[in-house]
Amino acid sequence: MATVETEQITDFFLRLGEDDSLLRAFQRDARGTLERSGLGDDARTALLESRLDDLQNAVVDEVVLALGRSDLVNVPRMYMAPEPEPEPEPEPEPGEPEPEPDEPR
């Protein structure tokens, strides 16, 4: 039984980052570039549909497989957004009285 070799998604990402002509081709025609890439159907679909969780899982699976040890890879599944910066108080117009400070409750 014949097997079909497919490129790993991590290898494709590395080539995309190193090869300007591949990046330009991907930007012009993502579908055609992916079809010629050697990536498997699932990886191509995940890239075309921007399914980030699927892409992250594929990369993690490839790294774990390459290392042979899943205990070395720890991928956070939840991200904490930083607290937004408070907006500065507007400067009073010249000649306006300054507002009273808020009283403690």
PDB file of N, CA and C in Angstrom:
ATOM      1  N   MET A   1       0.834  -1.175   0.000  1.00  0.00           N
ATOM      2  CA  MET A   1       0.000   0.000   0.000  1.00  0.00           C
ATOM      3  C   MET A   1       0.886   1.248   0.000  1.00  0.00           C
ATOM      4  N   ALA A   2       0.633   2.182  -0.897  1.00  0.00           N
ATOM      5  CA  ALA A   2       1.429   3.397  -1.022  1.00  0.00           C
ATOM      6  C   ALA A   2       1.016   4.408   0.035  1.00  0.00           C
ATOM      7  N   THR A   3       2.011   5.122   0.557  1.00  0.00           N
ATOM      8  CA  THR A   3       1.716   6.182   1.514  1.00  0.00           C
ATOM      9  C   THR A   3       2.029   7.516   0.854  1.00  0.00           C
ATOM     10  N   VAL A   4       1.282   8.517   1.251  1.00  0.00           N
ATOM     11  CA  VAL A   4       1.486   9.859   0.715  1.00  0.00           C
ATOM     12  C   VAL A   4       2.213  10.671   1.774  1.00  0.00           C
ATOM     13  N   GLU A   5       3.363  11.183   1.416  1.00  0.00           N
ATOM     14  CA  GLU A   5       4.104  12.025   2.336  1.00  0.00           C
ATOM     15  C   GLU A   5       3.501  13.429   2.319  1.00  0.00           C
ATOM     16  N   THR A   6       3.254  13.961   3.493  1.00  0.00           N
ATOM     17  CA  THR A   6       2.766  15.331   3.581  1.00  0.00           C
ATOM     18  C   THR A   6       3.765  16.149   4.386  1.00  0.00           C
ATOM     19  N   GLU A   7       3.861  17.403   4.032  1.00  0.00           N
ATOM     20  CA  GLU A   7       4.758  18.304   4.747  1.00  0.00           C
ATOM     21  C   GLU A   7       4.151  18.628   6.103  1.00  0.00           C
ATOM     22  N   GLN A   8       4.995  18.768   7.090  1.00  0.00           N
ATOM     23  CA  GLN A   8       4.504  19.166   8.398  1.00  0.00           C
ATOM     24  C   GLN A   8       4.214  20.655   8.385  1.00  0.00           C
ATOM     25  N   ILE A   9       3.213  21.049   9.162  1.00  0.00           N
ATOM     26  CA  ILE A   9       2.803  22.453   9.162  1.00  0.00           C
ATOM     27  C   ILE A   9       3.914  23.342   9.719  1.00  0.00           C
ATOM     28  N   THR A  10       4.692  22.834  10.674  1.00  0.00           N
ATOM     29  CA  THR A  10       5.799  23.632  11.200  1.00  0.00           C
ATOM     30  C   THR A  10       6.844  23.892  10.118  1.00  0.00           C
ATOM     31  N   ASP A  11       7.114  22.899   9.283  1.00  0.00           N
ATOM     32  CA  ASP A  11       8.063  23.093   8.181  1.00  0.00           C
ATOM     33  C   ASP A  11       7.539  24.128   7.191  1.00  0.00           C
ATOM     34  N   PHE A  12       6.237  24.076   6.909  1.00  0.00           N
ATOM     35  CA  PHE A  12       5.651  25.048   5.996  1.00  0.00           C
ATOM     36  C   PHE A  12       5.764  26.459   6.571  1.00  0.00           C
ATOM     37  N   PHE A  13       5.472  26.614   7.866  1.00  0.00           N
ATOM     38  CA  PHE A  13       5.594  27.934   8.499  1.00  0.00           C
ATOM     39  C   PHE A  13       7.023  28.447   8.436  1.00  0.00           C
ATOM     40  N   LEU A  14       7.996  27.555   8.666  1.00  0.00           N
ATOM     41  CA  LEU A  14       9.393  27.968   8.591  1.00  0.00           C
ATOM     42  C   LEU A  14       9.757  28.409   7.179  1.00  0.00           C
ATOM     43  N   ARG A  15       9.333  27.635   6.181  1.00  0.00           N
ATOM     44  CA  ARG A  15       9.611  28.014   4.778  1.00  0.00           C
ATOM     45  C   ARG A  15       8.935  29.335   4.448  1.00  0.00           C
ATOM     46  N   LEU A  16       7.714  29.527   4.936  1.00  0.00           N
ATOM     47  CA  LEU A  16       6.968  30.759   4.670  1.00  0.00           C
ATOM     48  C   LEU A  16       7.701  31.968   5.256  1.00  0.00           C
ATOM     49  N   GLY A  17       8.315  31.784   6.413  1.00  0.00           N
ATOM     50  CA  GLY A  17       9.063  32.866   7.047  1.00  0.00           C
ATOM     51  C   GLY A  17      10.413  33.135   6.411  1.00  0.00           C
ATOM     52  N   GLU A  18      10.988  32.140   5.747  1.00  0.00           N
ATOM     53  CA  GLU A  18      12.331  32.286   5.173  1.00  0.00           C
ATOM     54  C   GLU A  18      12.331  32.607   3.686  1.00  0.00           C
ATOM     55  N   ASP A  19      11.280  32.229   2.976  1.00  0.00           N
ATOM     56  CA  ASP A  19      11.249  32.334   1.519  1.00  0.00           C
ATOM     57  C   ASP A  19      10.281  33.439   1.093  1.00  0.00           C
ATOM     58  N   ASP A  20      10.847  34.590   0.697  1.00  0.00           N
ATOM     59  CA  ASP A  20      10.011  35.733   0.317  1.00  0.00           C
ATOM     60  C   ASP A  20       9.105  35.427  -0.875  1.00  0.00           C
ATOM     61  N   SER A  21       9.600  34.648  -1.823  1.00  0.00           N
ATOM     62  CA  SER A  21       8.772  34.335  -2.998  1.00  0.00           C
ATOM     63  C   SER A  21       7.587  33.446  -2.603  1.00  0.00           C
ATOM     64  N   LEU A  22       7.794  32.534  -1.667  1.00  0.00           N
ATOM     65  CA  LEU A  22       6.688  31.703  -1.178  1.00  0.00           C
ATOM     66  C   LEU A  22       5.670  32.557  -0.433  1.00  0.00           C
ATOM     67  N   LEU A  23       6.140  33.491   0.376  1.00  0.00           N
ATOM     68  CA  LEU A  23       5.234  34.378   1.103  1.00  0.00           C
ATOM     69  C   LEU A  23       4.409  35.224   0.134  1.00  0.00           C
ATOM     70  N   ARG A  24       5.054  35.772  -0.890  1.00  0.00           N
ATOM     71  CA  ARG A  24       4.313  36.575  -1.875  1.00  0.00           C
ATOM     72  C   ARG A  24       3.288  35.716  -2.618  1.00  0.00           C
ATOM     73  N   ALA A  25       3.676  34.500  -2.974  1.00  0.00           N
ATOM     74  CA  ALA A  25       2.742  33.592  -3.652  1.00  0.00           C
ATOM     75  C   ALA A  25       1.568  33.263  -2.740  1.00  0.00           C
ATOM     76  N   PHE A  26       1.836  33.047  -1.468  1.00  0.00           N
ATOM     77  CA  PHE A  26       0.780  32.751  -0.494  1.00  0.00           C
ATOM     78  C   PHE A  26      -0.164  33.939  -0.339  1.00  0.00           C
ATOM     79  N   GLN A  27       0.395  35.154  -0.337  1.00  0.00           N
ATOM     80  CA  GLN A  27      -0.434  36.354  -0.213  1.00  0.00           C
ATOM     81  C   GLN A  27      -1.315  36.552  -1.454  1.00  0.00           C
ATOM     82  N   ARG A  28      -0.789  36.211  -2.636  1.00  0.00           N
ATOM     83  CA  ARG A  28      -1.552  36.356  -3.884  1.00  0.00           C
ATOM     84  C   ARG A  28      -2.609  35.271  -4.038  1.00  0.00           C
ATOM     85  N   ASP A  29      -2.221  34.031  -3.763  1.00  0.00           N
ATOM     86  CA  ASP A  29      -3.107  32.892  -4.004  1.00  0.00           C
ATOM     87  C   ASP A  29      -2.874  31.848  -2.922  1.00  0.00           C
ATOM     88  N   ALA A  30      -3.498  32.060  -1.775  1.00  0.00           N
ATOM     89  CA  ALA A  30      -3.282  31.166  -0.630  1.00  0.00           C
ATOM     90  C   ALA A  30      -3.715  29.740  -0.964  1.00  0.00           C
ATOM     91  N   ARG A  31      -4.881  29.594  -1.571  1.00  0.00           N
ATOM     92  CA  ARG A  31      -5.405  28.253  -1.863  1.00  0.00           C
ATOM     93  C   ARG A  31      -4.454  27.483  -2.794  1.00  0.00           C
ATOM     94  N   GLY A  32      -4.033  28.115  -3.881  1.00  0.00           N
ATOM     95  CA  GLY A  32      -3.138  27.456  -4.829  1.00  0.00           C
ATOM     96  C   GLY A  32      -1.785  27.134  -4.215  1.00  0.00           C
ATOM     97  N   THR A  33      -1.257  28.055  -3.421  1.00  0.00           N
ATOM     98  CA  THR A  33       0.030  27.822  -2.767  1.00  0.00           C
ATOM     99  C   THR A  33      -0.065  26.658  -1.797  1.00  0.00           C
ATOM    100  N   LEU A  34      -1.167  26.594  -1.052  1.00  0.00           N
ATOM    101  CA  LEU A  34      -1.344  25.494  -0.106  1.00  0.00           C
ATOM    102  C   LEU A  34      -1.521  24.161  -0.820  1.00  0.00           C
ATOM    103  N   GLU A  35      -2.212  24.168  -1.953  1.00  0.00           N
ATOM    104  CA  GLU A  35      -2.397  22.921  -2.704  1.00  0.00           C
ATOM    105  C   GLU A  35      -1.061  22.378  -3.216  1.00  0.00           C
ATOM    106  N   ARG A  36      -0.146  23.279  -3.551  1.00  0.00           N
ATOM    107  CA  ARG A  36       1.170  22.858  -4.039  1.00  0.00           C
ATOM    108  C   ARG A  36       2.157  22.603  -2.892  1.00  0.00           C
ATOM    109  N   SER A  37       1.761  22.915  -1.666  1.00  0.00           N
ATOM    110  CA  SER A  37       2.690  22.864  -0.533  1.00  0.00           C
ATOM    111  C   SER A  37       3.020  21.465  -0.048  1.00  0.00           C
ATOM    112  N   GLY A  38       2.130  20.520  -0.288  1.00  0.00           N
ATOM    113  CA  GLY A  38       2.335  19.190   0.262  1.00  0.00           C
ATOM    114  C   GLY A  38       1.707  19.014   1.625  1.00  0.00           C
ATOM    115  N   LEU A  39       1.022  20.045   2.124  1.00  0.00           N
ATOM    116  CA  LEU A  39       0.323  19.923   3.399  1.00  0.00           C
ATOM    117  C   LEU A  39      -0.877  19.006   3.244  1.00  0.00           C
ATOM    118  N   GLY A  40      -1.266  18.363   4.328  1.00  0.00           N
ATOM    119  CA  GLY A  40      -2.444  17.515   4.324  1.00  0.00           C
ATOM    120  C   GLY A  40      -3.715  18.351   4.238  1.00  0.00           C
ATOM    121  N   ASP A  41      -4.824  17.693   3.920  1.00  0.00           N
ATOM    122  CA  ASP A  41      -6.107  18.379   3.764  1.00  0.00           C
ATOM    123  C   ASP A  41      -6.515  19.141   5.019  1.00  0.00           C
ATOM    124  N   ASP A  42      -6.351  18.522   6.195  1.00  0.00           N
ATOM    125  CA  ASP A  42      -6.762  19.174   7.438  1.00  0.00           C
ATOM    126  C   ASP A  42      -5.981  20.460   7.682  1.00  0.00           C
ATOM    127  N   ALA A  43      -4.678  20.426   7.449  1.00  0.00           N
ATOM    128  CA  ALA A  43      -3.844  21.610   7.667  1.00  0.00           C
ATOM    129  C   ALA A  43      -4.199  22.714   6.678  1.00  0.00           C
ATOM    130  N   ARG A  44      -4.404  22.350   5.415  1.00  0.00           N
ATOM    131  CA  ARG A  44      -4.782  23.360   4.413  1.00  0.00           C
ATOM    132  C   ARG A  44      -6.103  24.017   4.779  1.00  0.00           C
ATOM    133  N   THR A  45      -7.084  23.210   5.166  1.00  0.00           N
ATOM    134  CA  THR A  45      -8.397  23.756   5.531  1.00  0.00           C
ATOM    135  C   THR A  45      -8.288  24.647   6.757  1.00  0.00           C
ATOM    136  N   ALA A  46      -7.538  24.220   7.755  1.00  0.00           N
ATOM    137  CA  ALA A  46      -7.372  25.025   8.967  1.00  0.00           C
ATOM    138  C   ALA A  46      -6.728  26.367   8.651  1.00  0.00           C
ATOM    139  N   LEU A  47      -5.730  26.366   7.762  1.00  0.00           N
ATOM    140  CA  LEU A  47      -5.093  27.625   7.370  1.00  0.00           C
ATOM    141  C   LEU A  47      -6.053  28.526   6.596  1.00  0.00           C
ATOM    142  N   LEU A  48      -6.767  27.959   5.644  1.00  0.00           N
ATOM    143  CA  LEU A  48      -7.679  28.764   4.825  1.00  0.00           C
ATOM    144  C   LEU A  48      -8.829  29.335   5.641  1.00  0.00           C
ATOM    145  N   GLU A  49      -9.274  28.587   6.658  1.00  0.00           N
ATOM    146  CA  GLU A  49     -10.399  29.033   7.475  1.00  0.00           C
ATOM    147  C   GLU A  49      -9.948  29.730   8.754  1.00  0.00           C
ATOM    148  N   SER A  50      -8.635  29.952   8.898  1.00  0.00           N
ATOM    149  CA  SER A  50      -8.063  30.609  10.076  1.00  0.00           C
ATOM    150  C   SER A  50      -8.532  29.963  11.374  1.00  0.00           C
ATOM    151  N   ARG A  51      -8.521  28.642  11.407  1.00  0.00           N
ATOM    152  CA  ARG A  51      -8.900  27.922  12.626  1.00  0.00           C
ATOM    153  C   ARG A  51      -7.657  27.811  13.510  1.00  0.00           C
ATOM    154  N   LEU A  52      -7.451  28.842  14.327  1.00  0.00           N
ATOM    155  CA  LEU A  52      -6.218  28.964  15.096  1.00  0.00           C
ATOM    156  C   LEU A  52      -6.022  27.839  16.104  1.00  0.00           C
ATOM    157  N   ASP A  53      -7.105  27.377  16.742  1.00  0.00           N
ATOM    158  CA  ASP A  53      -6.963  26.275  17.701  1.00  0.00           C
ATOM    159  C   ASP A  53      -6.457  25.013  17.009  1.00  0.00           C
ATOM    160  N   ASP A  54      -6.997  24.720  15.826  1.00  0.00           N
ATOM    161  CA  ASP A  54      -6.550  23.539  15.081  1.00  0.00           C
ATOM    162  C   ASP A  54      -5.083  23.670  14.671  1.00  0.00           C
ATOM    163  N   LEU A  55      -4.685  24.875  14.250  1.00  0.00           N
ATOM    164  CA  LEU A  55      -3.292  25.094  13.850  1.00  0.00           C
ATOM    165  C   LEU A  55      -2.363  24.949  15.044  1.00  0.00           C
ATOM    166  N   GLN A  56      -2.754  25.529  16.183  1.00  0.00           N
ATOM    167  CA  GLN A  56      -1.936  25.417  17.387  1.00  0.00           C
ATOM    168  C   GLN A  56      -1.802  23.953  17.806  1.00  0.00           C
ATOM    169  N   ASN A  57      -2.898  23.220  17.774  1.00  0.00           N
ATOM    170  CA  ASN A  57      -2.845  21.806  18.145  1.00  0.00           C
ATOM    171  C   ASN A  57      -1.948  21.013  17.207  1.00  0.00           C
ATOM    172  N   ALA A  58      -2.003  21.319  15.910  1.00  0.00           N
ATOM    173  CA  ALA A  58      -1.155  20.619  14.945  1.00  0.00           C
ATOM    174  C   ALA A  58       0.317  20.886  15.214  1.00  0.00           C
ATOM    175  N   VAL A  59       0.650  22.137  15.510  1.00  0.00           N
ATOM    176  CA  VAL A  59       2.044  22.486  15.799  1.00  0.00           C
ATOM    177  C   VAL A  59       2.504  21.785  17.076  1.00  0.00           C
ATOM    178  N   VAL A  60       1.675  21.821  18.107  1.00  0.00           N
ATOM    179  CA  VAL A  60       2.039  21.159  19.365  1.00  0.00           C
ATOM    180  C   VAL A  60       2.234  19.663  19.140  1.00  0.00           C
ATOM    181  N   ASP A  61       1.325  19.034  18.392  1.00  0.00           N
ATOM    182  CA  ASP A  61       1.452  17.599  18.113  1.00  0.00           C
ATOM    183  C   ASP A  61       2.759  17.283  17.394  1.00  0.00           C
ATOM    184  N   GLU A  62       3.144  18.131  16.425  1.00  0.00           N
ATOM    185  CA  GLU A  62       4.388  17.897  15.690  1.00  0.00           C
ATOM    186  C   GLU A  62       5.602  18.053  16.591  1.00  0.00           C
ATOM    187  N   VAL A  63       5.566  19.047  17.482  1.00  0.00           N
ATOM    188  CA  VAL A  63       6.697  19.263  18.385  1.00  0.00           C
ATOM    189  C   VAL A  63       6.802  18.104  19.366  1.00  0.00           C
ATOM    190  N   VAL A  64       5.666  17.683  19.914  1.00  0.00           N
ATOM    191  CA  VAL A  64       5.671  16.556  20.854  1.00  0.00           C
ATOM    192  C   VAL A  64       6.198  15.304  20.156  1.00  0.00           C
ATOM    193  N   LEU A  65       5.748  15.056  18.938  1.00  0.00           N
ATOM    194  CA  LEU A  65       6.202  13.887  18.192  1.00  0.00           C
ATOM    195  C   LEU A  65       7.711  13.969  17.931  1.00  0.00           C
ATOM    196  N   ALA A  66       8.190  15.155  17.569  1.00  0.00           N
ATOM    197  CA  ALA A  66       9.618  15.321  17.285  1.00  0.00           C
ATOM    198  C   ALA A  66      10.458  15.131  18.545  1.00  0.00           C
ATOM    199  N   LEU A  67       9.960  15.610  19.672  1.00  0.00           N
ATOM    200  CA  LEU A  67      10.710  15.470  20.923  1.00  0.00           C
ATOM    201  C   LEU A  67      10.555  14.084  21.522  1.00  0.00           C
ATOM    202  N   GLY A  68       9.406  13.474  21.248  1.00  0.00           N
ATOM    203  CA  GLY A  68       9.143  12.165  21.817  1.00  0.00           C
ATOM    204  C   GLY A  68       8.718  12.208  23.266  1.00  0.00           C
ATOM    205  N   ARG A  69       8.487  13.415  23.782  1.00  0.00           N
ATOM    206  CA  ARG A  69       8.099  13.550  25.187  1.00  0.00           C
ATOM    207  C   ARG A  69       7.073  14.656  25.333  1.00  0.00           C
ATOM    208  N   SER A  70       5.851  14.284  25.649  1.00  0.00           N
ATOM    209  CA  SER A  70       4.794  15.281  25.803  1.00  0.00           C
ATOM    210  C   SER A  70       4.946  16.073  27.090  1.00  0.00           C
ATOM    211  N   ASP A  71       5.713  15.561  28.067  1.00  0.00           N
ATOM    212  CA  ASP A  71       5.865  16.282  29.328  1.00  0.00           C
ATOM    213  C   ASP A  71       6.755  17.518  29.199  1.00  0.00           C
ATOM    214  N   LEU A  72       7.430  17.682  28.066  1.00  0.00           N
ATOM    215  CA  LEU A  72       8.284  18.842  27.864  1.00  0.00           C
ATOM    216  C   LEU A  72       7.550  20.022  27.236  1.00  0.00           C
ATOM    217  N   VAL A  73       6.337  19.790  26.760  1.00  0.00           N
ATOM    218  CA  VAL A  73       5.604  20.841  26.062  1.00  0.00           C
ATOM    219  C   VAL A  73       4.411  21.247  26.904  1.00  0.00           C
ATOM    220  N   ASN A  74       4.368  22.512  27.270  1.00  0.00           N
ATOM    221  CA  ASN A  74       3.267  23.040  28.058  1.00  0.00           C
ATOM    222  C   ASN A  74       2.708  24.251  27.319  1.00  0.00           C
ATOM    223  N   VAL A  75       1.528  24.100  26.750  1.00  0.00           N
ATOM    224  CA  VAL A  75       0.927  25.168  25.964  1.00  0.00           C
ATOM    225  C   VAL A  75      -0.216  25.776  26.755  1.00  0.00           C
ATOM    226  N   PRO A  76      -0.152  27.069  27.044  1.00  0.00           N
ATOM    227  CA  PRO A  76      -1.267  27.678  27.760  1.00  0.00           C
ATOM    228  C   PRO A  76      -2.511  27.710  26.877  1.00  0.00           C
ATOM    229  N   ARG A  77      -3.637  27.409  27.454  1.00  0.00           N
ATOM    230  CA  ARG A  77      -4.897  27.402  26.712  1.00  0.00           C
ATOM    231  C   ARG A  77      -5.733  28.630  27.023  1.00  0.00           C
ATOM    232  N   MET A  78      -5.326  29.414  28.019  1.00  0.00           N
ATOM    233  CA  MET A  78      -6.084  30.604  28.360  1.00  0.00           C
ATOM    234  C   MET A  78      -5.100  31.764  28.459  1.00  0.00           C
ATOM    235  N   TYR A  79      -5.479  32.864  27.915  1.00  0.00           N
ATOM    236  CA  TYR A  79      -4.615  34.027  27.912  1.00  0.00           C
ATOM    237  C   TYR A  79      -5.293  35.136  28.704  1.00  0.00           C
ATOM    238  N   MET A  80      -4.528  35.821  29.519  1.00  0.00           N
ATOM    239  CA  MET A  80      -5.053  36.929  30.312  1.00  0.00           C
ATOM    240  C   MET A  80      -4.681  38.229  29.607  1.00  0.00           C
ATOM    241  N   ALA A  81      -5.695  39.023  29.353  1.00  0.00           N
ATOM    242  CA  ALA A  81      -5.452  40.325  28.738  1.00  0.00           C
ATOM    243  C   ALA A  81      -5.014  41.294  29.836  1.00  0.00           C
ATOM    244  N   PRO A  82      -4.089  42.192  29.516  1.00  0.00           N
ATOM    245  CA  PRO A  82      -3.679  43.163  30.532  1.00  0.00           C
ATOM    246  C   PRO A  82      -4.824  44.118  30.845  1.00  0.00           C
ATOM    247  N   GLU A  83      -4.793  44.647  32.057  1.00  0.00           N
ATOM    248  CA  GLU A  83      -5.796  45.625  32.452  1.00  0.00           C
ATOM    249  C   GLU A  83      -5.636  46.863  31.571  1.00  0.00           C
ATOM    250  N   PRO A  84      -6.753  47.435  31.101  1.00  0.00           N
ATOM    251  CA  PRO A  84      -6.637  48.645  30.278  1.00  0.00           C
ATOM    252  C   PRO A  84      -6.132  49.813  31.117  1.00  0.00           C
ATOM    253  N   GLU A  85      -5.387  50.655  30.463  1.00  0.00           N
ATOM    254  CA  GLU A  85      -4.883  51.852  31.126  1.00  0.00           C
ATOM    255  C   GLU A  85      -6.051  52.795  31.419  1.00  0.00           C
ATOM    256  N   PRO A  86      -6.089  53.392  32.628  1.00  0.00           N
ATOM    257  CA  PRO A  86      -7.174  54.347  32.907  1.00  0.00           C
ATOM    258  C   PRO A  86      -7.006  55.591  32.032  1.00  0.00           C
ATOM    259  N   GLU A  87      -8.131  56.123  31.619  1.00  0.00           N
ATOM    260  CA  GLU A  87      -8.071  57.335  30.801  1.00  0.00           C
ATOM    261  C   GLU A  87      -7.725  58.522  31.687  1.00  0.00           C
ATOM    262  N   PRO A  88      -6.872  59.413  31.190  1.00  0.00           N
ATOM    263  CA  PRO A  88      -6.496  60.571  32.015  1.00  0.00           C
ATOM    264  C   PRO A  88      -7.682  61.517  32.185  1.00  0.00           C
ATOM    265  N   GLU A  89      -7.680  62.171  33.343  1.00  0.00           N
ATOM    266  CA  GLU A  89      -8.723  63.162  33.606  1.00  0.00           C
ATOM    267  C   GLU A  89      -8.528  64.343  32.657  1.00  0.00           C
ATOM    268  N   PRO A  90      -9.621  64.890  32.133  1.00  0.00           N
ATOM    269  CA  PRO A  90      -9.463  66.054  31.246  1.00  0.00           C
ATOM    270  C   PRO A  90      -8.964  67.257  32.032  1.00  0.00           C
ATOM    271  N   GLU A  91      -8.122  68.014  31.376  1.00  0.00           N
ATOM    272  CA  GLU A  91      -7.593  69.235  31.982  1.00  0.00           C
ATOM    273  C   GLU A  91      -8.702  70.284  32.045  1.00  0.00           C
ATOM    274  N   PRO A  92      -8.831  70.992  33.182  1.00  0.00           N
ATOM    275  CA  PRO A  92      -9.854  72.050  33.245  1.00  0.00           C
ATOM    276  C   PRO A  92      -9.493  73.201  32.321  1.00  0.00           C
ATOM    277  N   GLU A  93     -10.522  73.820  31.779  1.00  0.00           N
ATOM    278  CA  GLU A  93     -10.311  74.999  30.936  1.00  0.00           C
ATOM    279  C   GLU A  93      -9.775  76.132  31.804  1.00  0.00           C
ATOM    280  N   PRO A  94      -8.957  76.991  31.228  1.00  0.00           N
ATOM    281  CA  PRO A  94      -8.459  78.138  32.018  1.00  0.00           C
ATOM    282  C   PRO A  94      -9.643  78.970  32.519  1.00  0.00           C
ATOM    283  N   GLY A  95      -9.587  79.338  33.788  1.00  0.00           N
ATOM    284  CA  GLY A  95     -10.642  80.156  34.374  1.00  0.00           C
ATOM    285  C   GLY A  95     -11.753  79.342  35.020  1.00  0.00           C
ATOM    286  N   GLU A  96     -11.827  78.045  34.797  1.00  0.00           N
ATOM    287  CA  GLU A  96     -12.842  77.197  35.430  1.00  0.00           C
ATOM    288  C   GLU A  96     -12.344  76.787  36.806  1.00  0.00           C
ATOM    289  N   PRO A  97     -13.274  76.693  37.772  1.00  0.00           N
ATOM    290  CA  PRO A  97     -12.828  76.228  39.098  1.00  0.00           C
ATOM    291  C   PRO A  97     -12.488  74.745  39.026  1.00  0.00           C
ATOM    292  N   GLU A  98     -11.512  74.351  39.828  1.00  0.00           N
ATOM    293  CA  GLU A  98     -11.120  72.944  39.840  1.00  0.00           C
ATOM    294  C   GLU A  98     -12.197  72.131  40.537  1.00  0.00           C
ATOM    295  N   PRO A  99     -12.487  70.906  40.035  1.00  0.00           N
ATOM    296  CA  PRO A  99     -13.520  70.093  40.674  1.00  0.00           C
ATOM    297  C   PRO A  99     -13.072  69.644  42.062  1.00  0.00           C
ATOM    298  N   GLU A 100     -14.065  69.462  42.948  1.00  0.00           N
ATOM    299  CA  GLU A 100     -13.778  68.983  44.309  1.00  0.00           C
ATOM    300  C   GLU A 100     -13.353  67.510  44.229  1.00  0.00           C
ATOM    301  N   PRO A 101     -12.389  67.111  45.053  1.00  0.00           N
ATOM    302  CA  PRO A 101     -12.020  65.698  45.064  1.00  0.00           C
ATOM    303  C   PRO A 101     -13.163  64.848  45.593  1.00  0.00           C
ATOM    304  N   ASP A 102     -13.239  63.625  45.082  1.00  0.00           N
ATOM    305  CA  ASP A 102     -14.295  62.713  45.549  1.00  0.00           C
ATOM    306  C   ASP A 102     -14.078  62.416  47.038  1.00  0.00           C
ATOM    307  N   GLU A 103     -15.196  62.379  47.769  1.00  0.00           N
ATOM    308  CA  GLU A 103     -15.105  62.055  49.189  1.00  0.00           C
ATOM    309  C   GLU A 103     -15.031  60.545  49.341  1.00  0.00           C
ATOM    310  N   PRO A 104     -14.241  60.087  50.311  1.00  0.00           N
ATOM    311  CA  PRO A 104     -14.199  58.634  50.534  1.00  0.00           C
ATOM    312  C   PRO A 104     -15.545  58.120  51.046  1.00  0.00           C
ATOM    313  N   ARG A 105     -15.862  56.901  50.714  1.00  0.00           N
ATOM    314  CA  ARG A 105     -17.158  56.329  51.131  1.00  0.00           C
ATOM    315  C   ARG A 105     -17.043  55.594  52.418  1.00  0.00           C
TER     316      ARG A 105
END
